Amino acid sequence: MTPSKIFFTRGVGVAKRQLMSLEMAFRNAGIEKFNLVTVSSILPPACQRITKEKGLEMLKPGEIVFCVMARNATNEPNRLIAASIGCAVPADKDQQYGYLSEHHSFGETDEKAGDYAEDLAATMLATTLGVEFDSDSAWDEKEKVFKMSDKIVRTTNITQSAQANKDGLWTTVVACAIFVP
Protein backbone atom coordinates (compact mmCIF):
# COMPACT_ATOMS: atom_id res chain seq x y z
CA MET A 1 0.00 0.00 0.00
CA THR A 2 1.61 3.23 -1.19
CA PRO A 3 -0.15 6.52 -0.44
CA SER A 4 -0.89 8.66 -3.48
CA LYS A 5 -1.69 11.90 -1.68
CA ILE A 6 -0.47 13.87 1.34
CA PHE A 7 -1.61 16.90 3.28
CA PHE A 8 -0.18 18.81 6.21
CA THR A 9 -1.89 20.04 9.34
CA ARG A 10 -1.07 21.37 12.79
CA GLY A 11 -2.79 22.13 16.05
CA VAL A 12 -2.53 23.12 19.69
CA GLY A 13 -4.53 21.92 22.67
CA VAL A 14 -4.80 22.88 26.34
CA ALA A 15 -6.40 20.79 29.10
CA LYS A 16 -6.05 19.65 32.69
CA ARG A 17 -4.81 16.21 31.65
CA GLN A 18 -2.01 15.53 29.17
CA LEU A 19 -4.01 13.03 27.08
CA MET A 20 -6.91 15.44 26.79
CA SER A 21 -4.58 18.23 25.65
CA LEU A 22 -3.35 15.89 22.89
CA GLU A 23 -6.97 15.20 21.90
CA MET A 24 -7.64 18.95 21.80
CA ALA A 25 -4.57 19.46 19.58
CA PHE A 26 -5.86 16.74 17.22
CA ARG A 27 -9.26 18.47 17.16
CA ASN A 28 -7.60 21.80 16.41
CA ALA A 29 -5.70 20.11 13.55
CA GLY A 30 -8.90 18.44 12.26
CA ILE A 31 -7.64 14.86 12.64
CA GLU A 32 -9.28 13.70 15.88
CA LYS A 33 -11.68 11.26 14.22
CA PHE A 34 -9.00 9.01 12.71
CA ASN A 35 -6.93 6.16 14.11
CA LEU A 36 -3.50 7.62 13.50
CA VAL A 37 -0.55 5.32 12.90
CA THR A 38 2.85 6.98 12.80
CA VAL A 39 5.35 5.87 10.19
CA SER A 40 8.92 6.84 9.37
CA SER A 41 10.02 9.58 7.06
CA ILE A 42 9.70 8.60 3.39
CA LEU A 43 7.64 10.70 0.98
CA PRO A 44 6.59 8.16 -1.69
CA PRO A 45 7.39 8.86 -5.35
CA ALA A 46 4.51 10.58 -7.18
CA CYS A 47 2.74 11.41 -3.91
CA GLN A 48 0.65 14.50 -4.67
CA ARG A 49 0.30 17.28 -2.09
CA ILE A 50 -3.32 18.30 -1.59
CA THR A 51 -5.05 20.78 0.68
CA LYS A 52 -6.08 19.81 4.18
CA GLU A 53 -9.73 20.37 3.27
CA LYS A 54 -9.57 18.07 0.25
CA GLY A 55 -7.68 15.43 2.23
CA LEU A 56 -10.17 15.46 5.10
CA GLU A 57 -13.02 14.95 2.62
CA MET A 58 -11.30 11.78 1.35
CA LEU A 59 -11.03 10.15 4.80
CA LYS A 60 -13.75 8.54 6.94
CA PRO A 61 -14.18 8.65 10.73
CA GLY A 62 -12.52 5.65 12.36
CA GLU A 63 -10.27 5.01 9.36
CA ILE A 64 -6.70 3.89 10.03
CA VAL A 65 -4.61 6.76 8.71
CA PHE A 66 -0.85 6.73 8.34
CA CYS A 67 1.06 9.88 9.21
CA VAL A 68 4.40 11.37 10.12
CA MET A 69 3.84 13.23 13.38
CA ALA A 70 5.82 15.62 15.53
CA ARG A 71 4.39 16.44 18.94
CA ASN A 72 5.44 18.07 22.16
CA ALA A 73 3.76 18.80 25.48
CA THR A 74 4.41 20.51 28.79
CA ASN A 75 2.62 21.69 31.89
CA GLU A 76 5.44 24.07 32.84
CA PRO A 77 3.85 27.54 32.89
CA ASN A 78 4.81 29.80 29.96
CA ARG A 79 7.33 27.33 28.45
CA LEU A 80 7.67 27.67 24.66
CA ILE A 81 7.20 24.36 22.81
CA ALA A 82 7.21 23.48 19.12
CA ALA A 83 6.49 20.57 16.79
CA SER A 84 7.52 20.66 13.14
CA ILE A 85 7.46 18.49 10.03
CA GLY A 86 10.02 19.24 7.31
CA CYS A 87 9.54 18.06 3.73
CA ALA A 88 12.05 17.73 0.88
CA VAL A 89 10.81 16.87 -2.62
CA PRO A 90 13.24 15.59 -5.27
CA ALA A 91 13.29 17.06 -8.78
CA ASP A 92 12.31 13.65 -10.19
CA LYS A 93 9.33 13.34 -7.83
CA ASP A 94 7.61 10.70 -9.99
CA GLN A 95 10.52 8.22 -9.72
CA GLN A 96 12.50 9.26 -6.62
CA TYR A 97 11.25 9.30 -3.05
CA GLY A 98 11.56 12.36 -0.84
CA TYR A 99 11.93 12.84 2.90
CA LEU A 100 9.82 14.03 5.80
CA SER A 101 11.38 14.88 9.15
CA GLU A 102 9.97 15.35 12.65
CA HIS A 103 11.33 17.90 15.09
CA HIS A 104 10.10 18.52 18.65
CA SER A 105 11.70 21.30 20.67
CA PHE A 106 11.57 23.59 23.66
CA GLY A 107 12.33 27.30 23.49
CA GLU A 108 12.18 27.60 19.68
CA THR A 109 9.92 29.86 17.63
CA ASP A 110 7.93 28.63 14.62
CA GLU A 111 10.63 29.94 12.30
CA LYS A 112 13.58 28.34 14.10
CA ALA A 113 11.88 24.95 14.57
CA GLY A 114 10.58 25.01 10.98
CA ASP A 115 13.99 25.82 9.52
CA TYR A 116 15.54 22.99 11.54
CA ALA A 117 12.96 20.44 10.34
CA GLU A 118 13.25 21.62 6.73
CA ASP A 119 17.05 21.45 6.91
CA LEU A 120 16.88 17.93 8.34
CA ALA A 121 14.56 16.64 5.57
CA ALA A 122 16.64 18.31 2.84
CA THR A 123 19.89 16.97 4.29
CA MET A 124 18.53 13.40 4.38
CA LEU A 125 17.42 13.71 0.75
CA ALA A 126 20.67 15.35 -0.36
CA THR A 127 22.78 12.56 1.14
CA THR A 128 20.59 9.98 -0.62
CA LEU A 129 20.99 11.78 -3.95
CA GLY A 130 24.74 12.30 -3.59
CA VAL A 131 24.60 16.11 -3.40
CA GLU A 132 27.86 17.41 -1.94
CA PHE A 133 27.58 20.11 0.70
CA ASP A 134 29.16 21.36 3.91
CA SER A 135 27.08 19.85 6.71
CA ASP A 136 28.28 22.56 9.12
CA SER A 137 27.01 25.46 7.00
CA ALA A 138 23.84 27.37 7.87
CA TRP A 139 20.48 26.23 6.47
CA ASP A 140 20.28 29.22 4.09
CA GLU A 141 23.61 28.24 2.53
CA LYS A 142 22.74 24.53 2.29
CA GLU A 143 19.33 25.40 0.79
CA LYS A 144 21.05 27.28 -2.05
CA VAL A 145 23.40 24.36 -2.75
CA PHE A 146 20.54 21.83 -2.65
CA LYS A 147 18.35 23.80 -5.06
CA MET A 148 21.24 24.65 -7.40
CA SER A 149 22.04 20.93 -7.68
CA ASP A 150 18.79 20.48 -9.66
CA LYS A 151 18.15 17.33 -7.60
CA ILE A 152 15.95 18.89 -4.90
CA VAL A 153 13.09 20.97 -6.23
CA ARG A 154 11.24 22.06 -3.10
CA THR A 155 11.54 22.12 0.65
CA THR A 156 8.88 23.21 3.11
CA ASN A 157 7.73 22.79 6.68
CA ILE A 158 4.64 22.98 8.83
CA THR A 159 5.21 24.04 12.41
CA GLN A 160 3.11 24.64 15.48
CA SER A 161 4.53 26.40 18.50
CA ALA A 162 2.79 27.62 21.63
CA GLN A 163 3.56 29.19 24.94
CA ALA A 164 2.32 26.82 27.62
CA ASN A 165 -0.66 27.74 29.72
CA LYS A 166 0.28 30.23 32.43
CA ASP A 167 -1.67 28.30 35.09
CA GLY A 168 0.11 24.97 34.52
CA LEU A 169 -2.51 23.23 32.38
CA TRP A 170 -1.09 20.78 29.85
CA THR A 171 -0.33 22.36 26.48
CA THR A 172 0.31 20.10 23.48
CA VAL A 173 1.39 20.98 19.94
CA VAL A 174 1.23 18.68 16.92
CA ALA A 175 2.38 18.93 13.31
CA CYS A 176 1.45 16.12 10.92
CA ALA A 177 1.91 14.94 7.37
CA ILE A 178 -1.21 12.87 6.68
CA PHE A 179 -1.10 10.18 3.99
CA VAL A 180 -4.20 9.54 1.88
CA PRO A 181 -4.50 6.23 0.00
C-alpha atoms as a PDB file:
ATOM      1  CA  MET A   1       0.000   0.000   0.000  1.00  0.00           C
ATOM      2  CA  THR A   2       1.606   3.234  -1.191  1.00  0.00           C
ATOM      3  CA  PRO A   3      -0.145   6.517  -0.441  1.00  0.00           C
ATOM      4  CA  SER A   4      -0.888   8.658  -3.484  1.00  0.00           C
ATOM      5  CA  LYS A   5      -1.693  11.904  -1.681  1.00  0.00           C
ATOM      6  CA  ILE A   6      -0.469  13.865   1.336  1.00  0.00           C
ATOM      7  CA  PHE A   7      -1.613  16.899   3.277  1.00  0.00           C
ATOM      8  CA  PHE A   8      -0.178  18.809   6.206  1.00  0.00           C
ATOM      9  CA  THR A   9      -1.888  20.044   9.340  1.00  0.00           C
ATOM     10  CA  ARG A  10      -1.074  21.374  12.788  1.00  0.00           C
ATOM     11  CA  GLY A  11      -2.787  22.133  16.054  1.00  0.00           C
ATOM     12  CA  VAL A  12      -2.528  23.121  19.686  1.00  0.00           C
ATOM     13  CA  GLY A  13      -4.533  21.923  22.672  1.00  0.00           C
ATOM     14  CA  VAL A  14      -4.796  22.883  26.340  1.00  0.00           C
ATOM     15  CA  ALA A  15      -6.400  20.792  29.095  1.00  0.00           C
ATOM     16  CA  LYS A  16      -6.047  19.654  32.687  1.00  0.00           C
ATOM     17  CA  ARG A  17      -4.809  16.207  31.652  1.00  0.00           C
ATOM     18  CA  GLN A  18      -2.012  15.528  29.168  1.00  0.00           C
ATOM     19  CA  LEU A  19      -4.006  13.028  27.079  1.00  0.00           C
ATOM     20  CA  MET A  20      -6.910  15.440  26.794  1.00  0.00           C
ATOM     21  CA  SER A  21      -4.583  18.230  25.652  1.00  0.00           C
ATOM     22  CA  LEU A  22      -3.354  15.894  22.891  1.00  0.00           C
ATOM     23  CA  GLU A  23      -6.967  15.204  21.903  1.00  0.00           C
ATOM     24  CA  MET A  24      -7.636  18.949  21.797  1.00  0.00           C
ATOM     25  CA  ALA A  25      -4.568  19.457  19.583  1.00  0.00           C
ATOM     26  CA  PHE A  26      -5.855  16.737  17.220  1.00  0.00           C
ATOM     27  CA  ARG A  27      -9.256  18.466  17.157  1.00  0.00           C
ATOM     28  CA  ASN A  28      -7.597  21.796  16.407  1.00  0.00           C
ATOM     29  CA  ALA A  29      -5.697  20.108  13.553  1.00  0.00           C
ATOM     30  CA  GLY A  30      -8.901  18.442  12.265  1.00  0.00           C
ATOM     31  CA  ILE A  31      -7.642  14.857  12.639  1.00  0.00           C
ATOM     32  CA  GLU A  32      -9.279  13.698  15.878  1.00  0.00           C
ATOM     33  CA  LYS A  33     -11.679  11.264  14.218  1.00  0.00           C
ATOM     34  CA  PHE A  34      -9.003   9.013  12.709  1.00  0.00           C
ATOM     35  CA  ASN A  35      -6.928   6.156  14.107  1.00  0.00           C
ATOM     36  CA  LEU A  36      -3.497   7.622  13.505  1.00  0.00           C
ATOM     37  CA  VAL A  37      -0.552   5.316  12.902  1.00  0.00           C
ATOM     38  CA  THR A  38       2.851   6.976  12.802  1.00  0.00           C
ATOM     39  CA  VAL A  39       5.350   5.867  10.185  1.00  0.00           C
ATOM     40  CA  SER A  40       8.920   6.837   9.370  1.00  0.00           C
ATOM     41  CA  SER A  41      10.023   9.584   7.060  1.00  0.00           C
ATOM     42  CA  ILE A  42       9.704   8.601   3.391  1.00  0.00           C
ATOM     43  CA  LEU A  43       7.641  10.701   0.983  1.00  0.00           C
ATOM     44  CA  PRO A  44       6.589   8.160  -1.687  1.00  0.00           C
ATOM     45  CA  PRO A  45       7.391   8.860  -5.351  1.00  0.00           C
ATOM     46  CA  ALA A  46       4.509  10.576  -7.185  1.00  0.00           C
ATOM     47  CA  CYS A  47       2.743  11.414  -3.909  1.00  0.00           C
ATOM     48  CA  GLN A  48       0.650  14.500  -4.668  1.00  0.00           C
ATOM     49  CA  ARG A  49       0.296  17.284  -2.093  1.00  0.00           C
ATOM     50  CA  ILE A  50      -3.317  18.302  -1.591  1.00  0.00           C
ATOM     51  CA  THR A  51      -5.052  20.783   0.679  1.00  0.00           C
ATOM     52  CA  LYS A  52      -6.080  19.813   4.180  1.00  0.00           C
ATOM     53  CA  GLU A  53      -9.725  20.373   3.272  1.00  0.00           C
ATOM     54  CA  LYS A  54      -9.572  18.067   0.254  1.00  0.00           C
ATOM     55  CA  GLY A  55      -7.676  15.429   2.234  1.00  0.00           C
ATOM     56  CA  LEU A  56     -10.172  15.460   5.101  1.00  0.00           C
ATOM     57  CA  GLU A  57     -13.022  14.946   2.615  1.00  0.00           C
ATOM     58  CA  MET A  58     -11.295  11.783   1.352  1.00  0.00           C
ATOM     59  CA  LEU A  59     -11.026  10.145   4.797  1.00  0.00           C
ATOM     60  CA  LYS A  60     -13.745   8.536   6.938  1.00  0.00           C
ATOM     61  CA  PRO A  61     -14.182   8.653  10.727  1.00  0.00           C
ATOM     62  CA  GLY A  62     -12.517   5.646  12.356  1.00  0.00           C
ATOM     63  CA  GLU A  63     -10.272   5.012   9.355  1.00  0.00           C
ATOM     64  CA  ILE A  64      -6.703   3.888  10.030  1.00  0.00           C
ATOM     65  CA  VAL A  65      -4.615   6.765   8.714  1.00  0.00           C
ATOM     66  CA  PHE A  66      -0.847   6.729   8.345  1.00  0.00           C
ATOM     67  CA  CYS A  67       1.062   9.880   9.208  1.00  0.00           C
ATOM     68  CA  VAL A  68       4.395  11.371  10.116  1.00  0.00           C
ATOM     69  CA  MET A  69       3.838  13.232  13.381  1.00  0.00           C
ATOM     70  CA  ALA A  70       5.819  15.622  15.530  1.00  0.00           C
ATOM     71  CA  ARG A  71       4.393  16.437  18.945  1.00  0.00           C
ATOM     72  CA  ASN A  72       5.445  18.069  22.161  1.00  0.00           C
ATOM     73  CA  ALA A  73       3.759  18.798  25.480  1.00  0.00           C
ATOM     74  CA  THR A  74       4.406  20.508  28.786  1.00  0.00           C
ATOM     75  CA  ASN A  75       2.624  21.685  31.887  1.00  0.00           C
ATOM     76  CA  GLU A  76       5.436  24.069  32.842  1.00  0.00           C
ATOM     77  CA  PRO A  77       3.853  27.541  32.888  1.00  0.00           C
ATOM     78  CA  ASN A  78       4.808  29.796  29.956  1.00  0.00           C
ATOM     79  CA  ARG A  79       7.330  27.326  28.454  1.00  0.00           C
ATOM     80  CA  LEU A  80       7.674  27.666  24.663  1.00  0.00           C
ATOM     81  CA  ILE A  81       7.195  24.363  22.814  1.00  0.00           C
ATOM     82  CA  ALA A  82       7.208  23.483  19.117  1.00  0.00           C
ATOM     83  CA  ALA A  83       6.491  20.569  16.792  1.00  0.00           C
ATOM     84  CA  SER A  84       7.525  20.664  13.141  1.00  0.00           C
ATOM     85  CA  ILE A  85       7.463  18.488  10.032  1.00  0.00           C
ATOM     86  CA  GLY A  86      10.020  19.236   7.308  1.00  0.00           C
ATOM     87  CA  CYS A  87       9.542  18.064   3.726  1.00  0.00           C
ATOM     88  CA  ALA A  88      12.050  17.731   0.880  1.00  0.00           C
ATOM     89  CA  VAL A  89      10.806  16.873  -2.619  1.00  0.00           C
ATOM     90  CA  PRO A  90      13.241  15.590  -5.267  1.00  0.00           C
ATOM     91  CA  ALA A  91      13.288  17.061  -8.781  1.00  0.00           C
ATOM     92  CA  ASP A  92      12.312  13.651 -10.188  1.00  0.00           C
ATOM     93  CA  LYS A  93       9.333  13.336  -7.833  1.00  0.00           C
ATOM     94  CA  ASP A  94       7.612  10.702  -9.987  1.00  0.00           C
ATOM     95  CA  GLN A  95      10.523   8.222  -9.720  1.00  0.00           C
ATOM     96  CA  GLN A  96      12.504   9.264  -6.619  1.00  0.00           C
ATOM     97  CA  TYR A  97      11.254   9.302  -3.049  1.00  0.00           C
ATOM     98  CA  GLY A  98      11.563  12.364  -0.842  1.00  0.00           C
ATOM     99  CA  TYR A  99      11.928  12.844   2.901  1.00  0.00           C
ATOM    100  CA  LEU A 100       9.822  14.028   5.800  1.00  0.00           C
ATOM    101  CA  SER A 101      11.384  14.878   9.152  1.00  0.00           C
ATOM    102  CA  GLU A 102       9.974  15.348  12.646  1.00  0.00           C
ATOM    103  CA  HIS A 103      11.331  17.900  15.094  1.00  0.00           C
ATOM    104  CA  HIS A 104      10.098  18.518  18.648  1.00  0.00           C
ATOM    105  CA  SER A 105      11.697  21.295  20.667  1.00  0.00           C
ATOM    106  CA  PHE A 106      11.566  23.592  23.658  1.00  0.00           C
ATOM    107  CA  GLY A 107      12.331  27.302  23.492  1.00  0.00           C
ATOM    108  CA  GLU A 108      12.177  27.597  19.684  1.00  0.00           C
ATOM    109  CA  THR A 109       9.923  29.860  17.633  1.00  0.00           C
ATOM    110  CA  ASP A 110       7.933  28.627  14.619  1.00  0.00           C
ATOM    111  CA  GLU A 111      10.630  29.939  12.304  1.00  0.00           C
ATOM    112  CA  LYS A 112      13.577  28.342  14.096  1.00  0.00           C
ATOM    113  CA  ALA A 113      11.884  24.952  14.568  1.00  0.00           C
ATOM    114  CA  GLY A 114      10.577  25.008  10.984  1.00  0.00           C
ATOM    115  CA  ASP A 115      13.987  25.824   9.522  1.00  0.00           C
ATOM    116  CA  TYR A 116      15.541  22.993  11.537  1.00  0.00           C
ATOM    117  CA  ALA A 117      12.956  20.444  10.339  1.00  0.00           C
ATOM    118  CA  GLU A 118      13.249  21.621   6.731  1.00  0.00           C
ATOM    119  CA  ASP A 119      17.049  21.450   6.905  1.00  0.00           C
ATOM    120  CA  LEU A 120      16.877  17.930   8.335  1.00  0.00           C
ATOM    121  CA  ALA A 121      14.564  16.642   5.567  1.00  0.00           C
ATOM    122  CA  ALA A 122      16.641  18.306   2.845  1.00  0.00           C
ATOM    123  CA  THR A 123      19.894  16.967   4.294  1.00  0.00           C
ATOM    124  CA  MET A 124      18.530  13.400   4.381  1.00  0.00           C
ATOM    125  CA  LEU A 125      17.418  13.711   0.751  1.00  0.00           C
ATOM    126  CA  ALA A 126      20.668  15.355  -0.356  1.00  0.00           C
ATOM    127  CA  THR A 127      22.782  12.565   1.138  1.00  0.00           C
ATOM    128  CA  THR A 128      20.593   9.977  -0.615  1.00  0.00           C
ATOM    129  CA  LEU A 129      20.992  11.784  -3.950  1.00  0.00           C
ATOM    130  CA  GLY A 130      24.744  12.296  -3.589  1.00  0.00           C
ATOM    131  CA  VAL A 131      24.604  16.106  -3.404  1.00  0.00           C
ATOM    132  CA  GLU A 132      27.861  17.408  -1.944  1.00  0.00           C
ATOM    133  CA  PHE A 133      27.583  20.112   0.705  1.00  0.00           C
ATOM    134  CA  ASP A 134      29.157  21.364   3.907  1.00  0.00           C
ATOM    135  CA  SER A 135      27.080  19.848   6.713  1.00  0.00           C
ATOM    136  CA  ASP A 136      28.284  22.557   9.118  1.00  0.00           C
ATOM    137  CA  SER A 137      27.014  25.464   7.002  1.00  0.00           C
ATOM    138  CA  ALA A 138      23.845  27.368   7.871  1.00  0.00           C
ATOM    139  CA  TRP A 139      20.483  26.226   6.470  1.00  0.00           C
ATOM    140  CA  ASP A 140      20.285  29.222   4.087  1.00  0.00           C
ATOM    141  CA  GLU A 141      23.615  28.239   2.526  1.00  0.00           C
ATOM    142  CA  LYS A 142      22.737  24.534   2.290  1.00  0.00           C
ATOM    143  CA  GLU A 143      19.335  25.402   0.791  1.00  0.00           C
ATOM    144  CA  LYS A 144      21.046  27.285  -2.053  1.00  0.00           C
ATOM    145  CA  VAL A 145      23.396  24.357  -2.752  1.00  0.00           C
ATOM    146  CA  PHE A 146      20.541  21.832  -2.651  1.00  0.00           C
ATOM    147  CA  LYS A 147      18.351  23.804  -5.055  1.00  0.00           C
ATOM    148  CA  MET A 148      21.239  24.647  -7.405  1.00  0.00           C
ATOM    149  CA  SER A 149      22.043  20.933  -7.680  1.00  0.00           C
ATOM    150  CA  ASP A 150      18.794  20.477  -9.660  1.00  0.00           C
ATOM    151  CA  LYS A 151      18.146  17.329  -7.603  1.00  0.00           C
ATOM    152  CA  ILE A 152      15.954  18.890  -4.898  1.00  0.00           C
ATOM    153  CA  VAL A 153      13.092  20.965  -6.226  1.00  0.00           C
ATOM    154  CA  ARG A 154      11.238  22.055  -3.103  1.00  0.00           C
ATOM    155  CA  THR A 155      11.543  22.121   0.653  1.00  0.00           C
ATOM    156  CA  THR A 156       8.876  23.208   3.106  1.00  0.00           C
ATOM    157  CA  ASN A 157       7.727  22.785   6.677  1.00  0.00           C
ATOM    158  CA  ILE A 158       4.643  22.980   8.832  1.00  0.00           C
ATOM    159  CA  THR A 159       5.213  24.043  12.406  1.00  0.00           C
ATOM    160  CA  GLN A 160       3.106  24.638  15.481  1.00  0.00           C
ATOM    161  CA  SER A 161       4.525  26.395  18.504  1.00  0.00           C
ATOM    162  CA  ALA A 162       2.790  27.619  21.628  1.00  0.00           C
ATOM    163  CA  GLN A 163       3.563  29.189  24.938  1.00  0.00           C
ATOM    164  CA  ALA A 164       2.324  26.820  27.624  1.00  0.00           C
ATOM    165  CA  ASN A 165      -0.664  27.740  29.718  1.00  0.00           C
ATOM    166  CA  LYS A 166       0.283  30.231  32.428  1.00  0.00           C
ATOM    167  CA  ASP A 167      -1.665  28.300  35.089  1.00  0.00           C
ATOM    168  CA  GLY A 168       0.113  24.971  34.524  1.00  0.00           C
ATOM    169  CA  LEU A 169      -2.512  23.234  32.379  1.00  0.00           C
ATOM    170  CA  TRP A 170      -1.089  20.779  29.854  1.00  0.00           C
ATOM    171  CA  THR A 171      -0.332  22.356  26.485  1.00  0.00           C
ATOM    172  CA  THR A 172       0.308  20.101  23.482  1.00  0.00           C
ATOM    173  CA  VAL A 173       1.386  20.984  19.942  1.00  0.00           C
ATOM    174  CA  VAL A 174       1.232  18.677  16.916  1.00  0.00           C
ATOM    175  CA  ALA A 175       2.377  18.932  13.314  1.00  0.00           C
ATOM    176  CA  CYS A 176       1.448  16.118  10.922  1.00  0.00           C
ATOM    177  CA  ALA A 177       1.909  14.944   7.371  1.00  0.00           C
ATOM    178  CA  ILE A 178      -1.212  12.875   6.677  1.00  0.00           C
ATOM    179  CA  PHE A 179      -1.101  10.181   3.986  1.00  0.00           C
ATOM    180  CA  VAL A 180      -4.198   9.540   1.879  1.00  0.00           C
ATOM    181  CA  PRO A 181      -4.504   6.226  -0.001  1.00  0.00           C
END
